[in-house]
Amino acid sequence: MAAARRTPPQPRYAVALYQVSTAEQGHLGVGLHAQRASVRAFIDREGWTLVAEHQAIASGNDDRRPGL
Protein backbone atom coordinates (compact mmCIF):
# COMPACT_ATOMS: atom_id res chain seq x y z
CA MET A 1 0.00 0.00 0.00
CA ALA A 2 1.39 3.39 -1.01
CA ALA A 3 1.79 6.09 1.60
CA ALA A 4 -0.40 9.15 1.24
CA ARG A 5 1.45 12.15 -0.14
CA ARG A 6 1.31 15.30 1.89
CA THR A 7 1.19 18.62 0.16
CA PRO A 8 3.29 21.38 1.69
CA PRO A 9 1.33 24.11 3.46
CA GLN A 10 0.43 27.10 1.32
CA PRO A 11 2.13 30.36 2.27
CA ARG A 12 -0.08 32.90 4.04
CA TYR A 13 0.25 36.60 3.33
CA ALA A 14 -1.20 39.54 5.26
CA VAL A 15 -1.87 43.22 4.69
CA ALA A 16 -2.30 45.24 7.87
CA LEU A 17 -4.44 48.33 8.34
CA TYR A 18 -3.92 50.37 11.49
CA GLN A 19 -6.47 53.06 12.27
CA VAL A 20 -7.08 55.64 14.94
CA SER A 21 -10.10 57.92 15.08
CA THR A 22 -8.53 61.24 15.95
CA ALA A 23 -5.51 63.19 14.78
CA GLU A 24 -4.40 63.48 18.42
CA GLN A 25 -4.28 59.68 18.78
CA GLY A 26 -2.39 59.45 15.50
CA HIS A 27 0.20 62.06 16.43
CA LEU A 28 0.73 60.54 19.85
CA GLY A 29 1.09 57.07 18.33
CA VAL A 30 -0.91 55.60 21.22
CA GLY A 31 -3.22 53.36 19.24
CA LEU A 32 -1.02 52.78 16.21
CA HIS A 33 1.90 51.39 18.21
CA ALA A 34 -0.29 48.89 20.07
CA GLN A 35 -2.01 47.80 16.85
CA ARG A 36 1.31 47.22 15.07
CA ALA A 37 2.65 45.17 17.98
CA SER A 38 -0.50 43.04 18.10
CA VAL A 39 -0.56 42.39 14.35
CA ARG A 40 3.14 41.55 14.19
CA ALA A 41 2.85 39.16 17.14
CA PHE A 42 -0.05 37.37 15.44
CA ILE A 43 1.75 37.15 12.10
CA ASP A 44 4.94 35.85 13.71
CA ARG A 45 3.01 33.28 15.76
CA GLU A 46 1.09 32.02 12.72
CA GLY A 47 4.12 32.00 10.41
CA TRP A 48 2.55 34.40 7.92
CA THR A 49 4.36 37.01 5.80
CA LEU A 50 3.43 40.67 6.17
CA VAL A 51 3.49 42.15 2.64
CA ALA A 52 2.11 45.66 3.27
CA GLU A 53 1.08 48.00 6.04
CA HIS A 54 -1.27 50.99 5.84
CA GLN A 55 -2.42 53.45 8.45
CA ALA A 56 -5.34 55.83 8.64
CA ILE A 57 -6.02 58.67 11.01
CA ALA A 58 -9.71 59.29 10.50
CA SER A 59 -13.05 58.44 12.01
CA GLY A 60 -14.48 55.11 10.92
CA ASN A 61 -17.86 56.85 10.60
CA ASP A 62 -16.67 58.94 7.62
CA ASP A 63 -16.94 56.84 4.47
CA ARG A 64 -15.59 59.75 2.38
CA ARG A 65 -12.15 59.54 3.96
CA PRO A 66 -9.11 59.12 1.65
CA GLY A 67 -7.93 55.58 1.05
CA LEU A 68 -11.24 53.89 1.80
PDB file of N, CA and C in Angstrom:
ATOM      1  N   MET A   1       0.830  -1.166   0.000  1.00  0.00           N
ATOM      2  CA  MET A   1       0.000   0.000   0.000  1.00  0.00           C
ATOM      3  C   MET A   1       0.887   1.246   0.000  1.00  0.00           C
ATOM      4  N   ALA A   2       0.590   2.176  -0.890  1.00  0.00           N
ATOM      5  CA  ALA A   2       1.388   3.390  -1.015  1.00  0.00           C
ATOM      6  C   ALA A   2       1.029   4.381   0.078  1.00  0.00           C
ATOM      7  N   ALA A   3       2.026   5.069   0.572  1.00  0.00           N
ATOM      8  CA  ALA A   3       1.794   6.091   1.603  1.00  0.00           C
ATOM      9  C   ALA A   3       1.143   7.326   0.980  1.00  0.00           C
ATOM     10  N   ALA A   4       0.272   7.936   1.719  1.00  0.00           N
ATOM     11  CA  ALA A   4      -0.396   9.148   1.236  1.00  0.00           C
ATOM     12  C   ALA A   4       0.622  10.282   1.138  1.00  0.00           C
ATOM     13  N   ARG A   5       0.537  11.029   0.044  1.00  0.00           N
ATOM     14  CA  ARG A   5       1.452  12.153  -0.139  1.00  0.00           C
ATOM     15  C   ARG A   5       0.884  13.404   0.509  1.00  0.00           C
ATOM     16  N   ARG A   6       1.717  14.053   1.246  1.00  0.00           N
ATOM     17  CA  ARG A   6       1.306  15.300   1.889  1.00  0.00           C
ATOM     18  C   ARG A   6       1.728  16.471   1.018  1.00  0.00           C
ATOM     19  N   THR A   7       0.831  17.413   0.888  1.00  0.00           N
ATOM     20  CA  THR A   7       1.191  18.616   0.161  1.00  0.00           C
ATOM     21  C   THR A   7       1.722  19.638   1.160  1.00  0.00           C
ATOM     22  N   PRO A   8       2.739  20.380   0.761  1.00  0.00           N
ATOM     23  CA  PRO A   8       3.288  21.379   1.688  1.00  0.00           C
ATOM     24  C   PRO A   8       2.250  22.460   1.964  1.00  0.00           C
ATOM     25  N   PRO A   9       2.299  23.054   3.142  1.00  0.00           N
ATOM     26  CA  PRO A   9       1.335  24.110   3.462  1.00  0.00           C
ATOM     27  C   PRO A   9       1.502  25.300   2.528  1.00  0.00           C
ATOM     28  N   GLN A  10       0.396  25.916   2.182  1.00  0.00           N
ATOM     29  CA  GLN A  10       0.430  27.101   1.323  1.00  0.00           C
ATOM     30  C   GLN A  10       0.900  28.302   2.146  1.00  0.00           C
ATOM     31  N   PRO A  11       1.705  29.163   1.534  1.00  0.00           N
ATOM     32  CA  PRO A  11       2.131  30.358   2.269  1.00  0.00           C
ATOM     33  C   PRO A  11       0.935  31.265   2.551  1.00  0.00           C
ATOM     34  N   ARG A  12       0.983  31.970   3.654  1.00  0.00           N
ATOM     35  CA  ARG A  12      -0.076  32.898   4.039  1.00  0.00           C
ATOM     36  C   ARG A  12       0.513  34.303   4.041  1.00  0.00           C
ATOM     37  N   TYR A  13      -0.192  35.221   3.414  1.00  0.00           N
ATOM     38  CA  TYR A  13       0.252  36.605   3.334  1.00  0.00           C
ATOM     39  C   TYR A  13      -0.773  37.507   4.003  1.00  0.00           C
ATOM     40  N   ALA A  14      -0.310  38.616   4.566  1.00  0.00           N
ATOM     41  CA  ALA A  14      -1.202  39.539   5.259  1.00  0.00           C
ATOM     42  C   ALA A  14      -0.899  40.972   4.859  1.00  0.00           C
ATOM     43  N   VAL A  15      -1.964  41.766   4.823  1.00  0.00           N
ATOM     44  CA  VAL A  15      -1.867  43.218   4.685  1.00  0.00           C
ATOM     45  C   VAL A  15      -2.501  43.791   5.942  1.00  0.00           C
ATOM     46  N   ALA A  16      -1.800  44.678   6.621  1.00  0.00           N
ATOM     47  CA  ALA A  16      -2.298  45.239   7.872  1.00  0.00           C
ATOM     48  C   ALA A  16      -2.793  46.664   7.673  1.00  0.00           C
ATOM     49  N   LEU A  17      -3.914  46.972   8.309  1.00  0.00           N
ATOM     50  CA  LEU A  17      -4.442  48.332   8.342  1.00  0.00           C
ATOM     51  C   LEU A  17      -4.548  48.747   9.800  1.00  0.00           C
ATOM     52  N   TYR A  18      -3.866  49.821  10.145  1.00  0.00           N
ATOM     53  CA  TYR A  18      -3.917  50.373  11.490  1.00  0.00           C
ATOM     54  C   TYR A  18      -4.712  51.668  11.405  1.00  0.00           C
ATOM     55  N   GLN A  19      -5.647  51.859  12.326  1.00  0.00           N
ATOM     56  CA  GLN A  19      -6.473  53.056  12.272  1.00  0.00           C
ATOM     57  C   GLN A  19      -6.730  53.612  13.653  1.00  0.00           C
ATOM     58  N   VAL A  20      -6.650  54.922  13.745  1.00  0.00           N
ATOM     59  CA  VAL A  20      -7.082  55.636  14.935  1.00  0.00           C
ATOM     60  C   VAL A  20      -8.112  56.669  14.501  1.00  0.00           C
ATOM     61  N   SER A  21      -8.967  57.062  15.424  1.00  0.00           N
ATOM     62  CA  SER A  21     -10.101  57.921  15.082  1.00  0.00           C
ATOM     63  C   SER A  21      -9.799  59.407  15.103  1.00  0.00           C
ATOM     64  N   THR A  22      -8.799  59.810  15.855  1.00  0.00           N
ATOM     65  CA  THR A  22      -8.532  61.240  15.954  1.00  0.00           C
ATOM     66  C   THR A  22      -7.089  61.546  15.583  1.00  0.00           C
ATOM     67  N   ALA A  23      -6.871  62.763  15.118  1.00  0.00           N
ATOM     68  CA  ALA A  23      -5.511  63.193  14.785  1.00  0.00           C
ATOM     69  C   ALA A  23      -4.622  63.157  16.022  1.00  0.00           C
ATOM     70  N   GLU A  24      -5.192  63.495  17.186  1.00  0.00           N
ATOM     71  CA  GLU A  24      -4.401  63.478  18.417  1.00  0.00           C
ATOM     72  C   GLU A  24      -3.877  62.072  18.711  1.00  0.00           C
ATOM     73  N   GLN A  25      -4.730  61.065  18.575  1.00  0.00           N
ATOM     74  CA  GLN A  25      -4.280  59.682  18.777  1.00  0.00           C
ATOM     75  C   GLN A  25      -3.193  59.336  17.767  1.00  0.00           C
ATOM     76  N   GLY A  26      -3.371  59.764  16.534  1.00  0.00           N
ATOM     77  CA  GLY A  26      -2.391  59.450  15.497  1.00  0.00           C
ATOM     78  C   GLY A  26      -1.050  60.094  15.755  1.00  0.00           C
ATOM     79  N   HIS A  27      -1.051  61.365  16.174  1.00  0.00           N
ATOM     80  CA  HIS A  27       0.203  62.062  16.429  1.00  0.00           C
ATOM     81  C   HIS A  27       0.906  61.522  17.670  1.00  0.00           C
ATOM     82  N   LEU A  28       0.138  61.105  18.649  1.00  0.00           N
ATOM     83  CA  LEU A  28       0.730  60.540  19.852  1.00  0.00           C
ATOM     84  C   LEU A  28       1.235  59.116  19.619  1.00  0.00           C
ATOM     85  N   GLY A  29       0.682  58.442  18.619  1.00  0.00           N
ATOM     86  CA  GLY A  29       1.091  57.068  18.333  1.00  0.00           C
ATOM     87  C   GLY A  29       0.552  56.068  19.330  1.00  0.00           C
ATOM     88  N   VAL A  30      -0.389  56.473  20.161  1.00  0.00           N
ATOM     89  CA  VAL A  30      -0.907  55.603  21.220  1.00  0.00           C
ATOM     90  C   VAL A  30      -1.533  54.351  20.636  1.00  0.00           C
ATOM     91  N   GLY A  31      -2.520  54.511  19.774  1.00  0.00           N
ATOM     92  CA  GLY A  31      -3.221  53.364  19.236  1.00  0.00           C
ATOM     93  C   GLY A  31      -2.449  52.634  18.155  1.00  0.00           C
ATOM     94  N   LEU A  32      -1.735  53.389  17.330  1.00  0.00           N
ATOM     95  CA  LEU A  32      -1.023  52.777  16.209  1.00  0.00           C
ATOM     96  C   LEU A  32       0.072  51.822  16.683  1.00  0.00           C
ATOM     97  N   HIS A  33       0.810  52.235  17.699  1.00  0.00           N
ATOM     98  CA  HIS A  33       1.901  51.391  18.214  1.00  0.00           C
ATOM     99  C   HIS A  33       1.372  50.057  18.740  1.00  0.00           C
ATOM    100  N   ALA A  34       0.301  50.118  19.503  1.00  0.00           N
ATOM    101  CA  ALA A  34      -0.292  48.893  20.070  1.00  0.00           C
ATOM    102  C   ALA A  34      -0.851  47.997  18.967  1.00  0.00           C
ATOM    103  N   GLN A  35      -1.464  48.593  17.961  1.00  0.00           N
ATOM    104  CA  GLN A  35      -2.008  47.804  16.855  1.00  0.00           C
ATOM    105  C   GLN A  35      -0.897  47.103  16.082  1.00  0.00           C
ATOM    106  N   ARG A  36       0.181  47.831  15.792  1.00  0.00           N
ATOM    107  CA  ARG A  36       1.311  47.216  15.074  1.00  0.00           C
ATOM    108  C   ARG A  36       1.877  46.043  15.863  1.00  0.00           C
ATOM    109  N   ALA A  37       2.078  46.234  17.148  1.00  0.00           N
ATOM    110  CA  ALA A  37       2.647  45.169  17.983  1.00  0.00           C
ATOM    111  C   ALA A  37       1.747  43.939  17.981  1.00  0.00           C
ATOM    112  N   SER A  38       0.451  44.151  18.082  1.00  0.00           N
ATOM    113  CA  SER A  38      -0.496  43.037  18.103  1.00  0.00           C
ATOM    114  C   SER A  38      -0.504  42.281  16.769  1.00  0.00           C
ATOM    115  N   VAL A  39      -0.543  43.030  15.682  1.00  0.00           N
ATOM    116  CA  VAL A  39      -0.560  42.393  14.355  1.00  0.00           C
ATOM    117  C   VAL A  39       0.739  41.627  14.109  1.00  0.00           C
ATOM    118  N   ARG A  40       1.852  42.234  14.424  1.00  0.00           N
ATOM    119  CA  ARG A  40       3.145  41.552  14.195  1.00  0.00           C
ATOM    120  C   ARG A  40       3.286  40.307  15.047  1.00  0.00           C
ATOM    121  N   ALA A  41       2.802  40.348  16.274  1.00  0.00           N
ATOM    122  CA  ALA A  41       2.855  39.155  17.139  1.00  0.00           C
ATOM    123  C   ALA A  41       2.011  38.039  16.540  1.00  0.00           C
ATOM    124  N   PHE A  42       0.820  38.372  16.050  1.00  0.00           N
ATOM    125  CA  PHE A  42      -0.050  37.365  15.440  1.00  0.00           C
ATOM    126  C   PHE A  42       0.612  36.769  14.199  1.00  0.00           C
ATOM    127  N   ILE A  43       1.135  37.615  13.343  1.00  0.00           N
ATOM    128  CA  ILE A  43       1.749  37.153  12.095  1.00  0.00           C
ATOM    129  C   ILE A  43       2.955  36.263  12.384  1.00  0.00           C
ATOM    130  N   ASP A  44       3.777  36.672  13.329  1.00  0.00           N
ATOM    131  CA  ASP A  44       4.937  35.850  13.706  1.00  0.00           C
ATOM    132  C   ASP A  44       4.494  34.503  14.268  1.00  0.00           C
ATOM    133  N   ARG A  45       3.495  34.523  15.134  1.00  0.00           N
ATOM    134  CA  ARG A  45       3.009  33.283  15.760  1.00  0.00           C
ATOM    135  C   ARG A  45       2.439  32.316  14.727  1.00  0.00           C
ATOM    136  N   GLU A  46       1.734  32.851  13.734  1.00  0.00           N
ATOM    137  CA  GLU A  46       1.093  32.021  12.720  1.00  0.00           C
ATOM    138  C   GLU A  46       2.019  31.654  11.558  1.00  0.00           C
ATOM    139  N   GLY A  47       3.178  32.290  11.488  1.00  0.00           N
ATOM    140  CA  GLY A  47       4.116  31.995  10.409  1.00  0.00           C
ATOM    141  C   GLY A  47       3.748  32.641   9.077  1.00  0.00           C
ATOM    142  N   TRP A  48       2.965  33.708   9.130  1.00  0.00           N
ATOM    143  CA  TRP A  48       2.554  34.405   7.918  1.00  0.00           C
ATOM    144  C   TRP A  48       3.637  35.394   7.493  1.00  0.00           C
ATOM    145  N   THR A  49       3.452  35.982   6.315  1.00  0.00           N
ATOM    146  CA  THR A  49       4.358  37.005   5.804  1.00  0.00           C
ATOM    147  C   THR A  49       3.580  38.306   5.639  1.00  0.00           C
ATOM    148  N   LEU A  50       4.060  39.367   6.286  1.00  0.00           N
ATOM    149  CA  LEU A  50       3.434  40.675   6.166  1.00  0.00           C
ATOM    150  C   LEU A  50       3.959  41.326   4.887  1.00  0.00           C
ATOM    151  N   VAL A  51       3.064  41.611   3.943  1.00  0.00           N
ATOM    152  CA  VAL A  51       3.492  42.147   2.643  1.00  0.00           C
ATOM    153  C   VAL A  51       3.248  43.646   2.502  1.00  0.00           C
ATOM    154  N   ALA A  52       2.368  44.220   3.333  1.00  0.00           N
ATOM    155  CA  ALA A  52       2.112  45.660   3.266  1.00  0.00           C
ATOM    156  C   ALA A  52       1.451  46.118   4.551  1.00  0.00           C
ATOM    157  N   GLU A  53       1.702  47.376   4.880  1.00  0.00           N
ATOM    158  CA  GLU A  53       1.075  48.003   6.038  1.00  0.00           C
ATOM    159  C   GLU A  53       0.526  49.360   5.611  1.00  0.00           C
ATOM    160  N   HIS A  54      -0.647  49.694   6.121  1.00  0.00           N
ATOM    161  CA  HIS A  54      -1.266  50.986   5.842  1.00  0.00           C
ATOM    162  C   HIS A  54      -1.801  51.536   7.157  1.00  0.00           C
ATOM    163  N   GLN A  55      -1.840  52.856   7.247  1.00  0.00           N
ATOM    164  CA  GLN A  55      -2.425  53.446   8.447  1.00  0.00           C
ATOM    165  C   GLN A  55      -3.348  54.582   8.059  1.00  0.00           C
ATOM    166  N   ALA A  56      -4.365  54.771   8.874  1.00  0.00           N
ATOM    167  CA  ALA A  56      -5.338  55.830   8.644  1.00  0.00           C
ATOM    168  C   ALA A  56      -5.592  56.549   9.955  1.00  0.00           C
ATOM    169  N   ILE A  57      -5.660  57.864   9.862  1.00  0.00           N
ATOM    170  CA  ILE A  57      -6.016  58.670  11.013  1.00  0.00           C
ATOM    171  C   ILE A  57      -7.296  59.389  10.624  1.00  0.00           C
ATOM    172  N   ALA A  58      -8.404  58.741  10.872  1.00  0.00           N
ATOM    173  CA  ALA A  58      -9.714  59.287  10.499  1.00  0.00           C
ATOM    174  C   ALA A  58     -10.796  58.499  11.213  1.00  0.00           C
ATOM    175  N   SER A  59     -11.920  59.112  11.372  1.00  0.00           N
ATOM    176  CA  SER A  59     -13.049  58.445  12.006  1.00  0.00           C
ATOM    177  C   SER A  59     -13.570  57.328  11.108  1.00  0.00           C
ATOM    178  N   GLY A  60     -13.898  56.209  11.684  1.00  0.00           N
ATOM    179  CA  GLY A  60     -14.482  55.105  10.925  1.00  0.00           C
ATOM    180  C   GLY A  60     -15.894  55.412  10.460  1.00  0.00           C
ATOM    181  N   ASN A  61     -16.504  56.458  10.997  1.00  0.00           N
ATOM    182  CA  ASN A  61     -17.855  56.849  10.597  1.00  0.00           C
ATOM    183  C   ASN A  61     -17.879  57.631   9.297  1.00  0.00           C
ATOM    184  N   ASP A  62     -16.729  58.115   8.835  1.00  0.00           N
ATOM    185  CA  ASP A  62     -16.674  58.939   7.624  1.00  0.00           C
ATOM    186  C   ASP A  62     -16.280  58.081   6.440  1.00  0.00           C
ATOM    187  N   ASP A  63     -17.261  57.703   5.600  1.00  0.00           N
ATOM    188  CA  ASP A  63     -16.941  56.844   4.465  1.00  0.00           C
ATOM    189  C   ASP A  63     -16.405  57.638   3.267  1.00  0.00           C
ATOM    190  N   ARG A  64     -16.184  58.941   3.441  1.00  0.00           N
ATOM    191  CA  ARG A  64     -15.589  59.754   2.379  1.00  0.00           C
ATOM    192  C   ARG A  64     -14.099  59.970   2.627  1.00  0.00           C
ATOM    193  N   ARG A  65     -13.550  59.303   3.618  1.00  0.00           N
ATOM    194  CA  ARG A  65     -12.147  59.536   3.957  1.00  0.00           C
ATOM    195  C   ARG A  65     -11.228  58.975   2.865  1.00  0.00           C
ATOM    196  N   PRO A  66     -10.057  59.584   2.664  1.00  0.00           N
ATOM    197  CA  PRO A  66      -9.112  59.116   1.652  1.00  0.00           C
ATOM    198  C   PRO A  66      -8.656  57.681   1.930  1.00  0.00           C
ATOM    199  N   GLY A  67      -8.459  56.927   0.910  1.00  0.00           N
ATOM    200  CA  GLY A  67      -7.934  55.580   1.048  1.00  0.00           C
ATOM    201  C   GLY A  67      -8.950  54.501   1.306  1.00  0.00           C
ATOM    202  N   LEU A  68     -10.205  54.900   1.523  1.00  0.00           N
ATOM    203  CA  LEU A  68     -11.235  53.894   1.801  1.00  0.00           C
ATOM    204  C   LEU A  68     -11.540  53.177   0.581  1.00  0.00           C
TER     205      LEU A  68
END
